[in-house]
Amino acid sequence: MSCEPGCTCCTSVATDAAFVVTINPEGRVEAARTDVEVEPLRPDAWAEIPVSVTNKGYVTGPLQLRSSAVPGVEVDAPDTELTGAPSQQTRFRVRLAEPGAADLTLRFWAIGSLGGLANKNTAYLYLRCLADDTDPSREDVRGAATR
């Protein structure tokens, strides 16, 4: 199936998602972090992280997300059922037990593509958790890598 020039059904669009997952026509999964900022978290509070899926392969079946095990970090990432639609939105949740920072490695799989072969891609998410009495507007938002 091919689109006409200028068709936007299979291209990434402006999104408020923190991640864009693209499934190409062969069913390979690519994940990328966008420029959308993830606000600092509060201890033991869940934060929803939006994900935009561009499905150029019209793949159906589960899209799975697995994360690295990081002490004090909990990730709630139920499988998303891919409908085959060219664009779909999903999300996952994260929670940090106490103030500090965490760097998560995230892996996305589309199990139903290419006859059940698991295609995966890796993306990274840096999270900050502020104490309940910290004013986020006064927090230094630069990460250690940018100092």
N, C-alpha and C. Protein backbone atom coordinates (compact mmCIF):
# COMPACT_ATOMS: atom_id res chain seq x y z
N MET A 1 0.85 -1.18 0.00
CA MET A 1 0.00 0.00 0.00
C MET A 1 0.89 1.24 0.00
N SER A 2 0.61 2.18 -0.88
CA SER A 2 1.40 3.40 -0.91
C SER A 2 0.46 4.59 -0.83
N CYS A 3 1.00 5.67 -0.32
CA CYS A 3 0.23 6.89 -0.17
C CYS A 3 0.58 7.87 -1.28
N GLU A 4 -0.29 8.81 -1.49
CA GLU A 4 -0.05 9.88 -2.45
C GLU A 4 0.94 10.88 -1.85
N PRO A 5 1.68 11.61 -2.67
CA PRO A 5 2.58 12.64 -2.13
C PRO A 5 1.80 13.62 -1.25
N GLY A 6 2.38 13.94 -0.10
CA GLY A 6 1.74 14.87 0.83
C GLY A 6 0.82 14.22 1.83
N CYS A 7 0.59 12.93 1.70
CA CYS A 7 -0.27 12.22 2.64
C CYS A 7 0.37 12.23 4.02
N THR A 8 -0.42 12.47 5.07
CA THR A 8 0.12 12.52 6.42
C THR A 8 -0.33 11.33 7.26
N CYS A 9 -0.91 10.31 6.64
CA CYS A 9 -1.44 9.19 7.43
C CYS A 9 -0.34 8.41 8.13
N CYS A 10 0.84 8.40 7.62
CA CYS A 10 1.92 7.57 8.18
C CYS A 10 3.13 8.36 8.63
N THR A 11 2.98 9.66 8.76
CA THR A 11 4.12 10.46 9.18
C THR A 11 3.91 10.92 10.61
N SER A 12 5.01 11.17 11.30
CA SER A 12 4.92 11.70 12.65
C SER A 12 4.34 13.09 12.59
N VAL A 13 3.44 13.37 13.49
CA VAL A 13 2.81 14.68 13.56
C VAL A 13 3.21 15.31 14.88
N ALA A 14 2.95 16.62 14.98
CA ALA A 14 3.23 17.29 16.24
C ALA A 14 2.45 16.58 17.34
N THR A 15 3.12 16.30 18.41
CA THR A 15 2.49 15.50 19.45
C THR A 15 2.87 16.02 20.82
N ASP A 16 2.04 15.72 21.80
CA ASP A 16 2.38 16.05 23.18
C ASP A 16 2.95 14.83 23.89
N ALA A 17 3.30 13.80 23.13
CA ALA A 17 3.83 12.57 23.69
C ALA A 17 5.32 12.70 23.99
N ALA A 18 5.75 12.05 25.06
CA ALA A 18 7.15 12.05 25.43
C ALA A 18 7.96 11.08 24.57
N PHE A 19 7.26 10.09 23.96
CA PHE A 19 7.91 9.12 23.09
C PHE A 19 7.09 8.95 21.82
N VAL A 20 7.80 8.69 20.73
CA VAL A 20 7.16 8.31 19.47
C VAL A 20 7.69 6.93 19.11
N VAL A 21 6.77 6.00 18.92
CA VAL A 21 7.13 4.65 18.50
C VAL A 21 6.65 4.52 17.06
N THR A 22 7.56 4.14 16.16
CA THR A 22 7.23 3.97 14.75
C THR A 22 7.44 2.51 14.38
N ILE A 23 6.44 1.93 13.76
CA ILE A 23 6.54 0.57 13.25
C ILE A 23 6.58 0.68 11.74
N ASN A 24 7.71 0.27 11.15
CA ASN A 24 7.87 0.45 9.71
C ASN A 24 7.10 -0.63 8.94
N PRO A 25 7.03 -0.54 7.61
CA PRO A 25 6.26 -1.52 6.83
C PRO A 25 6.72 -2.97 7.01
N GLU A 26 7.97 -3.18 7.41
CA GLU A 26 8.45 -4.53 7.65
C GLU A 26 8.14 -5.00 9.08
N GLY A 27 7.57 -4.14 9.89
CA GLY A 27 7.22 -4.49 11.26
C GLY A 27 8.30 -4.20 12.28
N ARG A 28 9.37 -3.54 11.88
CA ARG A 28 10.43 -3.20 12.82
C ARG A 28 10.01 -2.00 13.67
N VAL A 29 10.35 -2.04 14.93
CA VAL A 29 9.94 -1.01 15.88
C VAL A 29 11.10 -0.04 16.12
N GLU A 30 10.81 1.23 16.04
CA GLU A 30 11.77 2.28 16.38
C GLU A 30 11.13 3.17 17.44
N ALA A 31 11.85 3.45 18.50
CA ALA A 31 11.35 4.32 19.56
C ALA A 31 12.27 5.51 19.70
N ALA A 32 11.69 6.67 19.95
CA ALA A 32 12.49 7.89 20.10
C ALA A 32 11.87 8.78 21.16
N ARG A 33 12.71 9.43 21.92
CA ARG A 33 12.29 10.41 22.91
C ARG A 33 12.06 11.71 22.18
N THR A 34 10.97 12.39 22.47
CA THR A 34 10.67 13.69 21.87
C THR A 34 11.21 14.80 22.76
N ASP A 35 10.96 16.03 22.36
CA ASP A 35 11.37 17.19 23.16
C ASP A 35 10.36 17.54 24.24
N VAL A 36 9.26 16.81 24.33
CA VAL A 36 8.24 17.09 25.33
C VAL A 36 8.82 16.83 26.72
N GLU A 37 8.75 17.83 27.57
CA GLU A 37 9.31 17.72 28.91
C GLU A 37 8.42 16.88 29.81
N VAL A 38 9.05 16.03 30.59
CA VAL A 38 8.34 15.29 31.64
C VAL A 38 8.54 16.07 32.92
N GLU A 39 7.44 16.52 33.49
CA GLU A 39 7.51 17.33 34.71
C GLU A 39 8.12 16.53 35.86
N PRO A 40 8.80 17.20 36.79
CA PRO A 40 9.33 16.49 37.96
C PRO A 40 8.19 15.78 38.71
N LEU A 41 8.50 14.60 39.19
CA LEU A 41 7.53 13.81 39.93
C LEU A 41 7.58 14.15 41.41
N ARG A 42 6.58 13.69 42.13
CA ARG A 42 6.53 13.78 43.59
C ARG A 42 6.64 12.37 44.14
N PRO A 43 7.21 12.21 45.33
CA PRO A 43 7.37 10.86 45.88
C PRO A 43 6.04 10.10 45.94
N ASP A 44 6.07 8.86 45.52
CA ASP A 44 4.94 7.93 45.56
C ASP A 44 3.72 8.39 44.76
N ALA A 45 3.89 9.32 43.84
CA ALA A 45 2.79 9.77 42.98
C ALA A 45 3.02 9.25 41.57
N TRP A 46 1.99 8.69 40.98
CA TRP A 46 2.10 8.18 39.61
C TRP A 46 2.12 9.34 38.62
N ALA A 47 2.95 9.23 37.61
CA ALA A 47 2.98 10.19 36.50
C ALA A 47 2.72 9.42 35.21
N GLU A 48 1.83 9.94 34.38
CA GLU A 48 1.54 9.30 33.10
C GLU A 48 2.47 9.85 32.03
N ILE A 49 3.05 8.94 31.25
CA ILE A 49 3.96 9.30 30.17
C ILE A 49 3.29 8.93 28.85
N PRO A 50 2.89 9.92 28.05
CA PRO A 50 2.21 9.62 26.79
C PRO A 50 3.16 9.11 25.70
N VAL A 51 2.64 8.20 24.88
CA VAL A 51 3.38 7.61 23.77
C VAL A 51 2.52 7.69 22.52
N SER A 52 3.09 8.19 21.44
CA SER A 52 2.41 8.25 20.15
C SER A 52 2.96 7.13 19.27
N VAL A 53 2.07 6.34 18.68
CA VAL A 53 2.48 5.23 17.84
C VAL A 53 2.12 5.54 16.39
N THR A 54 3.11 5.48 15.50
CA THR A 54 2.89 5.60 14.06
C THR A 54 3.12 4.22 13.47
N ASN A 55 2.06 3.64 12.93
CA ASN A 55 2.08 2.25 12.49
C ASN A 55 2.06 2.20 10.97
N LYS A 56 3.25 2.33 10.36
CA LYS A 56 3.36 2.32 8.90
C LYS A 56 3.17 0.92 8.32
N GLY A 57 3.29 -0.10 9.16
CA GLY A 57 3.11 -1.48 8.71
C GLY A 57 1.72 -2.00 8.95
N TYR A 58 0.84 -1.17 9.54
CA TYR A 58 -0.54 -1.56 9.86
C TYR A 58 -0.56 -2.85 10.67
N VAL A 59 0.42 -2.98 11.58
CA VAL A 59 0.60 -4.16 12.41
C VAL A 59 -0.50 -4.22 13.47
N THR A 60 -1.00 -5.42 13.74
CA THR A 60 -1.94 -5.64 14.83
C THR A 60 -1.28 -6.53 15.87
N GLY A 61 -1.85 -6.56 17.05
CA GLY A 61 -1.30 -7.37 18.13
C GLY A 61 -0.76 -6.47 19.22
N PRO A 62 -0.11 -7.07 20.22
CA PRO A 62 0.33 -6.28 21.36
C PRO A 62 1.60 -5.48 21.10
N LEU A 63 1.61 -4.25 21.60
CA LEU A 63 2.82 -3.45 21.70
C LEU A 63 3.21 -3.52 23.17
N GLN A 64 4.38 -4.02 23.45
CA GLN A 64 4.82 -4.20 24.82
C GLN A 64 5.95 -3.25 25.16
N LEU A 65 5.98 -2.84 26.41
CA LEU A 65 7.04 -1.98 26.93
C LEU A 65 7.59 -2.64 28.17
N ARG A 66 8.89 -2.79 28.22
CA ARG A 66 9.58 -3.31 29.39
C ARG A 66 10.66 -2.32 29.77
N SER A 67 10.89 -2.18 31.08
CA SER A 67 11.88 -1.21 31.54
C SER A 67 12.95 -1.89 32.38
N SER A 68 14.07 -1.21 32.49
CA SER A 68 15.16 -1.70 33.34
C SER A 68 14.71 -1.65 34.80
N ALA A 69 15.24 -2.54 35.59
CA ALA A 69 14.94 -2.55 37.02
C ALA A 69 15.81 -1.51 37.71
N VAL A 70 15.17 -0.51 38.29
CA VAL A 70 15.88 0.55 39.00
C VAL A 70 15.30 0.61 40.41
N PRO A 71 16.14 0.49 41.44
CA PRO A 71 15.63 0.54 42.81
C PRO A 71 14.85 1.83 43.07
N GLY A 72 13.69 1.70 43.69
CA GLY A 72 12.86 2.85 44.04
C GLY A 72 11.99 3.36 42.91
N VAL A 73 12.02 2.70 41.74
CA VAL A 73 11.22 3.12 40.60
C VAL A 73 10.24 2.00 40.24
N GLU A 74 8.98 2.37 40.06
CA GLU A 74 7.97 1.41 39.65
C GLU A 74 7.39 1.87 38.31
N VAL A 75 7.28 0.94 37.37
CA VAL A 75 6.73 1.24 36.05
C VAL A 75 5.50 0.38 35.84
N ASP A 76 4.41 1.01 35.46
CA ASP A 76 3.15 0.32 35.14
C ASP A 76 2.94 0.49 33.64
N ALA A 77 3.21 -0.58 32.89
CA ALA A 77 3.15 -0.49 31.43
C ALA A 77 2.35 -1.66 30.87
N PRO A 78 1.03 -1.57 30.93
CA PRO A 78 0.23 -2.65 30.34
C PRO A 78 0.41 -2.67 28.82
N ASP A 79 0.28 -3.86 28.24
CA ASP A 79 0.38 -3.97 26.78
C ASP A 79 -0.69 -3.12 26.12
N THR A 80 -0.34 -2.54 24.97
CA THR A 80 -1.29 -1.79 24.15
C THR A 80 -1.65 -2.66 22.96
N GLU A 81 -2.92 -2.83 22.70
CA GLU A 81 -3.36 -3.61 21.56
C GLU A 81 -3.32 -2.73 20.32
N LEU A 82 -2.41 -3.04 19.39
CA LEU A 82 -2.33 -2.30 18.14
C LEU A 82 -3.51 -2.70 17.26
N THR A 83 -4.20 -1.70 16.75
CA THR A 83 -5.40 -1.94 15.96
C THR A 83 -5.11 -2.03 14.47
N GLY A 84 -3.91 -1.66 14.06
CA GLY A 84 -3.58 -1.59 12.64
C GLY A 84 -3.79 -0.19 12.08
N ALA A 85 -4.35 0.70 12.89
CA ALA A 85 -4.55 2.09 12.47
C ALA A 85 -3.19 2.76 12.28
N PRO A 86 -3.08 3.72 11.36
CA PRO A 86 -1.79 4.37 11.12
C PRO A 86 -1.30 5.21 12.29
N SER A 87 -2.19 5.62 13.17
CA SER A 87 -1.80 6.43 14.32
C SER A 87 -2.60 6.00 15.54
N GLN A 88 -1.92 5.89 16.65
CA GLN A 88 -2.56 5.46 17.88
C GLN A 88 -1.85 6.11 19.06
N GLN A 89 -2.58 6.38 20.13
CA GLN A 89 -2.00 6.96 21.34
C GLN A 89 -2.09 5.94 22.47
N THR A 90 -1.05 5.92 23.30
CA THR A 90 -1.06 5.08 24.49
C THR A 90 -0.26 5.79 25.56
N ARG A 91 -0.09 5.16 26.70
CA ARG A 91 0.68 5.76 27.79
C ARG A 91 1.11 4.70 28.77
N PHE A 92 2.10 5.04 29.57
CA PHE A 92 2.50 4.20 30.68
C PHE A 92 2.70 5.10 31.89
N ARG A 93 2.80 4.49 33.07
CA ARG A 93 2.93 5.27 34.30
C ARG A 93 4.24 4.92 35.00
N VAL A 94 4.79 5.92 35.69
CA VAL A 94 5.99 5.71 36.50
C VAL A 94 5.79 6.35 37.87
N ARG A 95 6.49 5.78 38.85
CA ARG A 95 6.42 6.32 40.21
C ARG A 95 7.79 6.11 40.86
N LEU A 96 8.29 7.17 41.50
CA LEU A 96 9.53 7.09 42.25
C LEU A 96 9.20 7.12 43.74
N ALA A 97 9.88 6.29 44.51
CA ALA A 97 9.58 6.15 45.93
C ALA A 97 10.03 7.36 46.74
N GLU A 98 11.14 7.98 46.32
CA GLU A 98 11.67 9.10 47.10
C GLU A 98 12.35 10.11 46.19
N PRO A 99 12.61 11.32 46.71
CA PRO A 99 13.25 12.35 45.88
C PRO A 99 14.60 11.89 45.34
N GLY A 100 14.91 12.36 44.16
CA GLY A 100 16.16 12.01 43.50
C GLY A 100 15.94 11.92 42.01
N ALA A 101 16.84 11.22 41.35
CA ALA A 101 16.77 11.08 39.89
C ALA A 101 16.88 9.61 39.52
N ALA A 102 16.34 9.30 38.35
CA ALA A 102 16.41 7.93 37.84
C ALA A 102 16.53 7.99 36.33
N ASP A 103 17.32 7.07 35.79
CA ASP A 103 17.49 6.95 34.35
C ASP A 103 16.98 5.58 33.95
N LEU A 104 15.89 5.54 33.20
CA LEU A 104 15.26 4.27 32.81
C LEU A 104 15.62 3.90 31.38
N THR A 105 15.87 2.63 31.17
CA THR A 105 16.02 2.08 29.83
C THR A 105 14.70 1.42 29.49
N LEU A 106 14.09 1.83 28.39
CA LEU A 106 12.78 1.32 27.97
C LEU A 106 12.95 0.54 26.67
N ARG A 107 12.29 -0.62 26.59
CA ARG A 107 12.34 -1.43 25.37
C ARG A 107 10.93 -1.69 24.89
N PHE A 108 10.70 -1.41 23.61
CA PHE A 108 9.39 -1.60 22.99
C PHE A 108 9.44 -2.81 22.06
N TRP A 109 8.40 -3.64 22.10
CA TRP A 109 8.28 -4.82 21.24
C TRP A 109 6.91 -4.81 20.57
N ALA A 110 6.88 -5.22 19.32
CA ALA A 110 5.61 -5.49 18.62
C ALA A 110 5.63 -6.98 18.29
N ILE A 111 4.99 -7.77 19.12
CA ILE A 111 5.06 -9.22 19.02
C ILE A 111 4.34 -9.77 17.80
N GLY A 112 3.23 -9.17 17.42
CA GLY A 112 2.42 -9.74 16.35
C GLY A 112 2.96 -9.51 14.95
N SER A 113 4.05 -8.76 14.81
CA SER A 113 4.55 -8.44 13.48
C SER A 113 5.47 -9.54 12.94
N LEU A 114 5.56 -9.64 11.65
CA LEU A 114 6.42 -10.60 10.96
C LEU A 114 6.25 -12.02 11.48
N GLY A 115 4.99 -12.45 11.59
CA GLY A 115 4.72 -13.82 12.00
C GLY A 115 5.12 -14.12 13.42
N GLY A 116 5.14 -13.13 14.28
CA GLY A 116 5.42 -13.36 15.69
C GLY A 116 6.85 -13.08 16.11
N LEU A 117 7.70 -12.66 15.19
CA LEU A 117 9.06 -12.31 15.59
C LEU A 117 9.03 -11.06 16.46
N ALA A 118 9.79 -11.06 17.50
CA ALA A 118 9.81 -9.91 18.41
C ALA A 118 10.82 -8.89 17.90
N ASN A 119 10.33 -7.74 17.52
CA ASN A 119 11.19 -6.63 17.12
C ASN A 119 11.22 -5.65 18.26
N LYS A 120 12.38 -5.15 18.57
CA LYS A 120 12.48 -4.27 19.72
C LYS A 120 13.33 -3.05 19.42
N ASN A 121 13.11 -2.06 20.25
CA ASN A 121 13.94 -0.89 20.20
C ASN A 121 14.05 -0.31 21.59
N THR A 122 15.10 0.43 21.80
CA THR A 122 15.41 0.95 23.12
C THR A 122 15.36 2.47 23.12
N ALA A 123 14.80 3.04 24.18
CA ALA A 123 14.78 4.48 24.38
C ALA A 123 15.07 4.73 25.86
N TYR A 124 15.37 5.95 26.21
CA TYR A 124 15.77 6.27 27.57
C TYR A 124 14.92 7.40 28.12
N LEU A 125 14.66 7.34 29.43
CA LEU A 125 13.86 8.36 30.10
C LEU A 125 14.56 8.74 31.39
N TYR A 126 14.89 10.02 31.51
CA TYR A 126 15.48 10.55 32.73
C TYR A 126 14.38 11.21 33.54
N LEU A 127 14.22 10.80 34.78
CA LEU A 127 13.17 11.32 35.65
C LEU A 127 13.76 12.01 36.86
N ARG A 128 13.09 13.04 37.32
CA ARG A 128 13.45 13.70 38.58
C ARG A 128 12.26 13.63 39.51
N CYS A 129 12.54 13.42 40.77
CA CYS A 129 11.51 13.39 41.79
C CYS A 129 11.88 14.41 42.85
N LEU A 130 10.99 15.36 43.09
CA LEU A 130 11.25 16.43 44.05
C LEU A 130 10.54 16.13 45.36
N ALA A 131 11.13 16.59 46.45
CA ALA A 131 10.48 16.48 47.75
C ALA A 131 9.18 17.28 47.70
N ASP A 132 8.23 16.89 48.51
CA ASP A 132 6.92 17.55 48.50
C ASP A 132 6.99 19.05 48.79
N ASP A 133 8.01 19.49 49.52
CA ASP A 133 8.11 20.91 49.87
C ASP A 133 9.01 21.70 48.93
N THR A 134 9.44 21.11 47.81
CA THR A 134 10.31 21.78 46.85
C THR A 134 9.47 22.52 45.82
N ASP A 135 9.86 23.75 45.53
CA ASP A 135 9.19 24.54 44.50
C ASP A 135 9.83 24.21 43.16
N PRO A 136 9.08 23.54 42.23
CA PRO A 136 9.69 23.15 40.96
C PRO A 136 10.16 24.32 40.11
N SER A 137 9.59 25.51 40.29
CA SER A 137 10.02 26.65 39.49
C SER A 137 11.41 27.13 39.89
N ARG A 138 11.89 26.73 41.07
CA ARG A 138 13.21 27.13 41.53
C ARG A 138 14.23 26.02 41.35
N GLU A 139 13.79 24.87 40.89
CA GLU A 139 14.67 23.72 40.69
C GLU A 139 15.57 23.93 39.48
N ASP A 140 16.83 23.55 39.60
CA ASP A 140 17.75 23.58 38.47
C ASP A 140 17.41 22.41 37.57
N VAL A 141 16.89 22.69 36.36
CA VAL A 141 16.39 21.64 35.49
C VAL A 141 17.46 21.03 34.59
N ARG A 142 18.68 21.53 34.63
CA ARG A 142 19.74 20.96 33.81
C ARG A 142 20.14 19.61 34.38
N GLY A 143 20.28 18.65 33.52
CA GLY A 143 20.77 17.34 33.96
C GLY A 143 22.28 17.37 34.11
N ALA A 144 22.81 16.34 34.74
CA ALA A 144 24.25 16.27 34.98
C ALA A 144 25.03 16.30 33.67
N ALA A 145 24.46 15.75 32.60
CA ALA A 145 25.16 15.68 31.31
C ALA A 145 25.28 17.06 30.65
N THR A 146 24.46 18.03 31.05
CA THR A 146 24.48 19.34 30.40
C THR A 146 25.25 20.37 31.21
N ARG A 147 25.74 19.98 32.37
CA ARG A 147 26.47 20.94 33.20
C ARG A 147 27.91 21.06 32.80
